[in-house]
Amino acid sequence: MFGKKNIWIWRAGFQVLGIVLAAWSLFNKQPWIMTLFFAASFVLGPIFCGWICPFGAFQDAMAAVARKAGVKRKKVPRPVHYLLMSLRYILLGLILWVSADFVFELMMYDARVNLLNYMSGYTLPLGAIVVILVFLLISGFLYERPFCSYFCVEGAKHGIFSALRPITIVKNSETCINCGACNRVCPMNVDVQHHGQVRSLQCIDCLSCVAACPKKGTLKLTLMPRKGTMSQIIIILVSLGALSGLAFFVHSNNSFESAPPIVASVSSEDAPSEQTETIEVENAVEYGNAAGIKDGVYEGTGEGFRGPMTVAVTVEGQLITKVEVTKTTDDKQWFDRAHAGVIPLIVEKQAADVDVVTGATYSSLGIKRAVADALTKAGGTKVDTISEPVGGAGRRRGGR
């Protein structure tokens, strides 16, 4: 399908498609799309990284501009490269297993995520913009795809999921002339020349090595050669098992289960349920955002990280007595962090505009906006206007 001479044309076309999908916020708001690409990684390798990812596309564009301008870029020395490429897997491990503030603060500067957020309509803080520009400049004038190689957590996931892929780039050692062209053009600094198959977790299946090889048929994307049908059957079964594991992983990390509501206890007569978290309202006389609102349960929506978030706010005696998030598509790990920090503050302070949780800014804003929306719809006249974090993180540009 892809001739050697037009591989880059096809690839550029798919990268433009990726940019369009990002501009429509589909990567953020439709997690199933990324699930499909993860599934493809089990069979074909990280094709999302090499053919679709918008941040990868912009890094490639900077590299192309640099080549046209005659800029001679360098390759990271292999010993240094092997040391640095472990960083993205360390970051992935920290995110999965360490729930410390510094991890969430660090991920606020994830260049790939912030670019997707910007393309989805969010205004970014200055620090996030600077990080994006630095990586793009490095990619253009020093080293290709530095972020992908050493810092991209999403790329680390795709690399791990592709470890057992049955389809990969295979080299014909008999026709190889060891010219090194494949190694020179690889944006991920993979050592293609000295291996019969490309099994590196860093490979993004961009096929640049295939296009650069001067000997026809020496490098090609094909089914991994195995002796005997039993080995092929085992490979397929392992891939299917890994695919099932991925489905469970994605479901458990992105599915939303209604979190226990946060309840305000105003008098000792109300016995809280074991499945609710109780917050004492210090001064029930001084009404907050619920002042003048009749008793009832009011629903509101607010824009979270991956789209609209819905909450149910209970008002009793002009006080916010319970807040429950009933619907969200935000990532569970970050949503849980926001839920545990923001909602207790809303109930305690009797105000929608409370501090956001570090590292879970977008989910925090979604909860705050939804609560403010519910109180406004209920007829509240003293509802806070939700302020944006310093630098505008989370604000929609142009009212989008």
Protein backbone atom coordinates (compact mmCIF):
# COMPACT_ATOMS: atom_id res chain seq x y z
CA MET A 1 0.00 0.00 0.00
CA PHE A 2 2.78 2.42 0.95
CA GLY A 3 5.50 2.68 -1.68
CA LYS A 4 8.91 3.74 -0.38
CA LYS A 5 8.74 7.07 -2.17
CA ASN A 6 5.33 8.08 -0.86
CA ILE A 7 5.48 6.81 2.73
CA TRP A 8 6.07 10.35 3.99
CA ILE A 9 3.04 11.63 2.01
CA TRP A 10 0.72 9.04 3.55
CA ARG A 11 2.17 9.68 6.97
CA ALA A 12 1.76 13.44 6.68
CA GLY A 13 -1.85 12.91 5.64
CA PHE A 14 -2.60 10.80 8.71
CA GLN A 15 -0.85 13.34 10.93
CA VAL A 16 -3.09 16.09 9.56
CA LEU A 17 -6.05 13.85 10.40
CA GLY A 18 -4.70 13.54 13.95
CA ILE A 19 -4.50 17.32 14.24
CA VAL A 20 -8.10 17.65 13.04
CA LEU A 21 -9.28 15.06 15.58
CA ALA A 22 -7.43 16.95 18.32
CA ALA A 23 -8.98 20.25 17.24
CA TRP A 24 -12.41 18.62 17.58
CA SER A 25 -11.44 17.56 21.14
CA LEU A 26 -12.08 13.91 20.21
CA PHE A 27 -8.93 12.57 21.90
CA ASN A 28 -9.94 14.26 25.17
CA LYS A 29 -13.68 13.64 25.10
CA GLN A 30 -13.84 10.22 23.42
CA PRO A 31 -11.45 7.89 25.30
CA TRP A 32 -12.58 4.92 23.20
CA ILE A 33 -10.63 6.38 20.25
CA MET A 34 -7.38 6.01 22.18
CA THR A 35 -8.47 2.51 23.23
CA LEU A 36 -8.60 1.56 19.53
CA PHE A 37 -5.05 2.83 19.02
CA PHE A 38 -3.85 0.89 22.07
CA ALA A 39 -5.46 -2.22 20.59
CA ALA A 40 -3.65 -1.54 17.31
CA SER A 41 -0.36 -1.28 19.22
CA PHE A 42 -0.70 -4.92 20.26
CA VAL A 43 -0.64 -5.98 16.63
CA LEU A 44 1.14 -3.28 14.64
CA GLY A 45 3.15 -1.38 17.23
CA PRO A 46 2.77 2.28 18.32
CA ILE A 47 1.21 3.56 15.10
CA PHE A 48 -0.51 6.34 17.03
CA CYS A 49 2.87 7.79 17.95
CA GLY A 50 4.29 7.60 14.45
CA TRP A 51 1.24 8.43 12.36
CA ILE A 52 -1.42 10.27 14.38
CA CYS A 53 -0.11 12.05 17.50
CA PRO A 54 -0.41 15.85 17.00
CA PHE A 55 2.60 16.69 19.16
CA GLY A 56 4.68 14.17 17.24
CA ALA A 57 3.46 15.76 14.01
CA PHE A 58 4.53 19.23 15.13
CA GLN A 59 7.96 17.90 16.14
CA ASP A 60 8.28 16.26 12.71
CA ALA A 61 7.25 19.53 11.07
CA MET A 62 9.95 21.42 12.96
CA ALA A 63 12.49 18.79 11.90
CA ALA A 64 11.41 19.13 8.25
CA VAL A 65 11.77 22.92 8.39
CA ALA A 66 15.22 22.55 9.92
CA ARG A 67 16.29 20.14 7.16
CA LYS A 68 15.10 22.57 4.48
CA ALA A 69 17.08 25.32 6.21
CA GLY A 70 20.21 23.18 6.18
CA VAL A 71 20.37 22.75 9.95
CA LYS A 72 22.57 19.80 10.88
CA ARG A 73 21.12 18.09 13.90
CA LYS A 74 22.81 15.55 16.14
CA LYS A 75 22.09 12.09 17.46
CA VAL A 76 22.14 11.57 21.20
CA PRO A 77 25.14 9.27 21.94
CA ARG A 78 23.84 5.72 22.43
CA PRO A 79 25.03 5.29 26.06
CA VAL A 80 23.28 8.54 26.98
CA HIS A 81 20.25 7.59 24.90
CA TYR A 82 19.86 4.22 26.63
CA LEU A 83 20.07 5.96 30.00
CA LEU A 84 17.58 8.71 29.14
CA MET A 85 14.98 6.53 27.44
CA SER A 86 14.12 4.93 30.79
CA LEU A 87 12.76 8.28 32.00
CA ARG A 88 9.36 7.95 30.36
CA TYR A 89 8.82 4.54 31.94
CA ILE A 90 9.85 5.92 35.34
CA LEU A 91 7.32 8.74 34.88
CA LEU A 92 4.64 6.21 33.95
CA GLY A 93 5.40 4.20 37.09
CA LEU A 94 5.18 7.32 39.25
CA ILE A 95 1.78 8.21 37.82
CA LEU A 96 0.39 4.71 38.27
CA TRP A 97 1.71 3.97 41.75
CA VAL A 98 2.65 7.22 43.50
CA SER A 99 -0.11 9.68 44.45
CA ALA A 100 2.18 12.43 45.69
CA ASP A 101 1.65 16.13 45.01
CA PHE A 102 4.96 16.50 43.16
CA VAL A 103 3.90 13.86 40.60
CA PHE A 104 0.69 15.70 39.74
CA GLU A 105 2.51 19.03 39.67
CA LEU A 106 5.10 17.54 37.31
CA MET A 107 2.43 16.21 34.95
CA MET A 108 0.89 19.68 34.69
CA TYR A 109 3.76 20.39 32.27
CA ASP A 110 3.21 17.35 30.03
CA ALA A 111 3.78 18.91 26.60
CA ARG A 112 1.65 16.40 24.67
CA VAL A 113 -1.35 16.70 27.00
CA ASN A 114 -1.13 20.49 27.13
CA LEU A 115 -0.97 20.76 23.34
CA LEU A 116 -4.14 18.64 23.08
CA ASN A 117 -5.80 20.84 25.69
CA TYR A 118 -4.81 23.98 23.78
CA MET A 119 -6.15 22.55 20.53
CA SER A 120 -9.37 21.64 22.37
CA GLY A 121 -9.88 25.28 23.30
CA TYR A 122 -8.21 25.67 26.69
CA THR A 123 -5.88 28.55 27.49
CA LEU A 124 -2.62 27.30 28.98
CA PRO A 125 -0.47 28.80 31.75
CA LEU A 126 2.75 30.41 30.56
CA GLY A 127 4.93 27.62 31.96
CA ALA A 128 3.12 24.97 29.91
CA ILE A 129 3.48 27.03 26.72
CA VAL A 130 7.21 27.49 27.35
CA VAL A 131 7.70 23.73 27.78
CA ILE A 132 5.91 23.02 24.48
CA LEU A 133 8.01 25.59 22.61
CA VAL A 134 11.27 24.33 24.12
CA PHE A 135 10.64 20.77 22.94
CA LEU A 136 9.63 21.97 19.47
CA LEU A 137 12.79 24.07 19.16
CA ILE A 138 14.99 21.21 20.35
CA SER A 139 13.31 18.92 17.81
CA GLY A 140 14.01 21.40 15.03
CA PHE A 141 17.56 22.44 15.81
CA LEU A 142 19.18 19.76 18.00
CA TYR A 143 17.60 16.30 18.27
CA GLU A 144 14.51 14.75 16.68
CA ARG A 145 11.48 13.96 18.87
CA PRO A 146 13.15 14.52 22.26
CA PHE A 147 9.83 14.55 24.12
CA CYS A 148 8.66 11.29 22.51
CA SER A 149 11.96 9.55 23.22
CA TYR A 150 12.39 10.44 26.87
CA PHE A 151 9.34 12.07 28.47
CA CYS A 152 6.10 10.91 26.83
CA VAL A 153 4.07 8.79 29.25
CA GLU A 154 1.49 7.95 26.58
CA GLY A 155 4.28 6.77 24.29
CA ALA A 156 5.61 4.58 27.10
CA LYS A 157 2.19 2.90 27.35
CA HIS A 158 2.06 2.26 23.60
CA GLY A 159 5.62 0.92 23.67
CA ILE A 160 4.85 -1.54 26.47
CA PHE A 161 1.62 -2.68 24.83
CA SER A 162 3.49 -3.31 21.56
CA ALA A 163 6.20 -5.51 23.10
CA LEU A 164 4.62 -8.72 21.74
CA ARG A 165 3.33 -7.35 18.43
CA PRO A 166 3.29 -10.02 15.71
CA ILE A 167 3.80 -7.46 12.93
CA THR A 168 7.06 -5.53 12.95
CA ILE A 169 9.88 -4.20 10.76
CA VAL A 170 12.03 -7.12 9.61
CA LYS A 171 15.49 -6.89 7.99
CA ASN A 172 16.81 -9.20 5.29
CA SER A 173 20.40 -9.64 6.44
CA GLU A 174 21.44 -11.16 3.10
CA THR A 175 20.65 -8.02 1.11
CA CYS A 176 21.62 -5.47 3.80
CA ILE A 177 24.76 -3.50 2.82
CA ASN A 178 25.23 -1.96 6.31
CA CYS A 179 25.14 1.58 4.96
CA GLY A 180 23.56 2.88 8.18
CA ALA A 181 20.88 4.91 6.38
CA CYS A 182 18.17 3.36 8.56
CA ASN A 183 19.86 4.44 11.78
CA ARG A 184 20.54 7.96 10.51
CA VAL A 185 16.89 8.71 9.69
CA CYS A 186 15.26 7.10 12.74
CA PRO A 187 13.69 9.92 14.79
CA MET A 188 13.68 7.72 17.92
CA ASN A 189 17.37 6.75 17.63
CA VAL A 190 16.54 3.03 17.37
CA ASP A 191 19.41 0.76 16.26
CA VAL A 192 17.73 -0.77 13.21
CA GLN A 193 20.95 -1.65 11.39
CA HIS A 194 22.27 -4.27 13.79
CA HIS A 195 19.11 -6.28 14.44
CA GLY A 196 17.11 -8.70 12.31
CA GLN A 197 13.81 -7.41 13.75
CA VAL A 198 12.89 -4.07 15.27
CA ARG A 199 11.62 -5.01 18.75
CA SER A 200 12.57 -1.80 20.55
CA LEU A 201 9.80 -0.29 22.69
CA GLN A 202 10.97 3.07 21.33
CA CYS A 203 10.02 2.25 17.72
CA ILE A 204 6.99 4.27 16.57
CA ASP A 205 6.50 2.46 13.24
CA CYS A 206 7.01 5.66 11.24
CA LEU A 207 8.68 3.55 8.49
CA SER A 208 11.34 6.21 7.91
CA CYS A 209 13.97 3.45 7.92
CA VAL A 210 12.05 1.49 5.28
CA ALA A 211 11.81 4.56 3.05
CA ALA A 212 15.52 5.40 3.46
CA CYS A 213 16.88 1.91 2.75
CA PRO A 214 18.58 1.87 -0.69
CA LYS A 215 18.15 -1.90 -1.17
CA LYS A 216 14.63 -2.87 -2.19
CA GLY A 217 12.96 -5.38 0.12
CA THR A 218 15.71 -5.28 2.75
CA LEU A 219 13.48 -3.62 5.33
CA LYS A 220 9.75 -4.18 5.39
CA LEU A 221 6.81 -4.19 7.76
CA THR A 222 5.64 -7.79 7.90
CA LEU A 223 4.59 -10.68 10.12
CA MET A 224 7.37 -11.60 12.50
CA PRO A 225 9.10 -14.72 11.13
CA ARG A 226 8.63 -17.75 13.36
CA LYS A 227 9.50 -21.38 12.76
CA GLY A 228 6.47 -23.64 13.10
CA THR A 229 2.81 -22.81 13.39
CA MET A 230 2.74 -23.43 17.15
CA SER A 231 4.90 -20.37 17.79
CA GLN A 232 2.55 -18.23 15.70
CA ILE A 233 -0.46 -19.58 17.59
CA ILE A 234 1.22 -18.74 20.91
CA ILE A 235 1.98 -15.21 19.70
CA ILE A 236 -1.66 -14.70 18.69
CA LEU A 237 -2.99 -16.09 21.99
CA VAL A 238 -0.63 -13.91 24.01
CA SER A 239 -1.69 -10.86 21.98
CA LEU A 240 -5.37 -11.64 22.57
CA GLY A 241 -4.72 -12.08 26.29
CA ALA A 242 -2.87 -8.77 26.40
CA LEU A 243 -5.72 -7.12 24.51
CA SER A 244 -8.18 -8.38 27.13
CA GLY A 245 -5.92 -7.00 29.85
CA LEU A 246 -5.85 -3.65 28.07
CA ALA A 247 -9.64 -3.54 27.89
CA PHE A 248 -9.81 -4.09 31.65
CA PHE A 249 -7.07 -1.51 32.27
CA VAL A 250 -8.78 1.17 30.18
CA HIS A 251 -12.19 0.42 31.72
CA SER A 252 -10.90 0.52 35.30
CA ASN A 253 -8.99 3.76 34.75
CA ASN A 254 -11.61 5.65 32.77
CA SER A 255 -14.96 4.27 33.90
CA PHE A 256 -16.87 6.40 36.35
CA GLU A 257 -18.58 5.09 39.40
CA SER A 258 -20.58 7.60 41.39
CA ALA A 259 -18.39 8.67 44.30
CA PRO A 260 -19.89 8.89 47.81
CA PRO A 261 -21.68 12.24 48.19
CA ILE A 262 -20.27 14.85 50.56
CA VAL A 263 -22.84 15.71 53.24
CA ALA A 264 -22.96 18.72 55.55
CA SER A 265 -24.07 18.07 59.10
CA VAL A 266 -25.66 21.19 60.56
CA SER A 267 -27.12 19.67 63.72
CA SER A 268 -26.37 16.67 65.89
CA GLU A 269 -29.78 15.19 65.08
CA ASP A 270 -28.67 14.16 61.61
CA ALA A 271 -26.82 10.83 61.74
CA PRO A 272 -24.55 10.53 58.70
CA SER A 273 -24.55 7.38 56.60
CA GLU A 274 -21.46 5.16 56.65
CA GLN A 275 -21.09 5.72 52.91
CA THR A 276 -20.99 9.51 53.07
CA GLU A 277 -18.34 11.94 54.18
CA THR A 278 -19.58 14.46 56.74
CA ILE A 279 -18.36 18.06 56.88
CA GLU A 280 -19.32 20.31 59.78
CA VAL A 281 -20.58 23.76 58.77
CA GLU A 282 -18.99 26.09 61.30
CA ASN A 283 -21.52 28.89 61.19
CA ALA A 284 -24.95 27.98 59.89
CA VAL A 285 -26.22 31.53 60.39
CA GLU A 286 -23.99 33.05 57.71
CA TYR A 287 -25.43 31.78 54.47
CA GLY A 288 -23.24 31.35 51.42
CA ASN A 289 -23.98 30.65 47.75
CA ALA A 290 -27.25 28.86 48.60
CA ALA A 291 -28.79 31.93 50.28
CA GLY A 292 -32.38 32.45 49.16
CA ILE A 293 -32.66 29.03 47.47
CA LYS A 294 -35.59 26.79 48.39
CA ASP A 295 -34.98 23.32 49.76
CA GLY A 296 -34.45 20.75 47.02
CA VAL A 297 -31.98 18.86 44.85
CA TYR A 298 -30.64 20.81 41.88
CA GLU A 299 -28.66 19.54 38.90
CA GLY A 300 -25.91 21.44 37.15
CA THR A 301 -23.22 20.85 34.53
CA GLY A 302 -19.70 22.15 34.08
CA GLU A 303 -16.86 21.57 31.64
CA GLY A 304 -14.32 19.10 33.01
CA PHE A 305 -11.17 17.73 31.41
CA ARG A 306 -12.88 15.33 29.00
CA GLY A 307 -16.20 17.07 28.64
CA PRO A 308 -19.34 17.99 30.60
CA MET A 309 -19.64 16.92 34.24
CA THR A 310 -22.98 16.69 36.07
CA VAL A 311 -23.58 17.19 39.79
CA ALA A 312 -26.60 17.03 42.11
CA VAL A 313 -26.57 19.69 44.83
CA THR A 314 -28.90 19.35 47.81
CA VAL A 315 -30.00 22.57 49.53
CA GLU A 316 -31.64 22.53 52.97
CA GLY A 317 -32.31 25.63 55.05
CA GLN A 318 -30.43 27.78 52.51
CA LEU A 319 -27.31 25.65 53.03
CA ILE A 320 -25.48 23.32 50.66
CA THR A 321 -25.91 20.03 52.52
CA LYS A 322 -24.84 17.49 49.89
CA VAL A 323 -22.90 17.47 46.62
CA GLU A 324 -22.77 14.38 44.43
CA VAL A 325 -21.14 14.00 41.02
CA THR A 326 -23.53 11.89 38.96
CA LYS A 327 -21.78 11.89 35.59
CA THR A 328 -18.27 12.53 34.29
CA THR A 329 -15.91 11.20 31.63
CA ASP A 330 -12.74 12.52 33.29
CA ASP A 331 -9.90 10.10 34.02
CA LYS A 332 -10.66 8.33 37.28
CA GLN A 333 -7.29 8.91 38.92
CA TRP A 334 -7.41 12.69 38.44
CA PHE A 335 -11.16 12.97 39.05
CA ASP A 336 -10.89 11.12 42.37
CA ARG A 337 -8.18 13.53 43.45
CA ALA A 338 -10.34 16.55 42.55
CA HIS A 339 -13.46 15.03 44.13
CA ALA A 340 -11.70 14.38 47.43
CA GLY A 341 -10.32 17.92 47.61
CA VAL A 342 -12.87 20.26 46.06
CA ILE A 343 -16.27 19.00 47.22
CA PRO A 344 -15.47 18.99 50.96
CA LEU A 345 -14.31 22.60 50.59
CA ILE A 346 -17.51 23.58 48.76
CA VAL A 347 -19.63 22.12 51.57
CA GLU A 348 -17.43 23.56 54.31
CA LYS A 349 -17.15 27.06 52.82
CA GLN A 350 -20.71 27.08 51.41
CA ALA A 351 -19.23 28.44 48.18
CA ALA A 352 -18.68 27.11 44.67
CA ASP A 353 -15.45 29.01 44.05
CA VAL A 354 -12.89 27.22 46.22
CA ASP A 355 -9.25 26.34 45.57
CA VAL A 356 -8.54 23.79 42.83
CA VAL A 357 -6.53 20.65 43.56
CA THR A 358 -2.95 20.78 42.31
CA GLY A 359 -2.46 18.46 39.36
CA ALA A 360 -6.22 17.97 38.87
CA THR A 361 -7.06 21.49 37.73
CA TYR A 362 -9.49 20.64 34.94
CA SER A 363 -11.53 18.15 36.98
CA SER A 364 -11.59 20.62 39.88
CA LEU A 365 -12.90 23.35 37.61
CA GLY A 366 -15.55 21.01 36.22
CA ILE A 367 -16.92 20.31 39.70
CA LYS A 368 -16.88 23.99 40.67
CA ARG A 369 -18.59 25.08 37.46
CA ALA A 370 -21.24 22.38 37.79
CA VAL A 371 -22.06 23.37 41.39
CA ALA A 372 -22.26 27.05 40.44
CA ASP A 373 -24.50 26.16 37.50
CA ALA A 374 -26.84 24.13 39.74
CA LEU A 375 -27.17 26.95 42.28
CA THR A 376 -27.71 29.55 39.56
CA LYS A 377 -30.46 27.47 37.96
CA ALA A 378 -32.05 27.14 41.41
CA GLY A 379 -32.44 30.90 41.57
CA GLY A 380 -29.40 31.74 43.66
CA THR A 381 -28.43 35.41 43.57
CA LYS A 382 -25.20 35.12 45.53
CA VAL A 383 -23.50 32.39 43.52
CA ASP A 384 -19.75 32.80 43.02
CA THR A 385 -18.35 33.51 39.60
CA ILE A 386 -15.79 30.75 39.11
CA SER A 387 -12.34 32.29 38.94
CA GLU A 388 -9.64 30.78 36.74
CA PRO A 389 -6.21 29.70 38.02
CA VAL A 390 -3.27 32.04 37.53
CA GLY A 391 -2.21 31.86 33.88
CA GLY A 392 -5.68 30.91 32.69
CA ALA A 393 -5.28 27.12 32.91
CA GLY A 394 -8.58 25.50 32.14
CA ARG A 395 -10.30 28.50 30.60
CA ARG A 396 -11.97 27.98 27.25
CA ARG A 397 -10.72 30.37 24.58
CA GLY A 398 -13.28 32.38 22.65
CA GLY A 399 -16.13 31.13 24.81
CA ARG A 400 -15.88 27.61 23.46
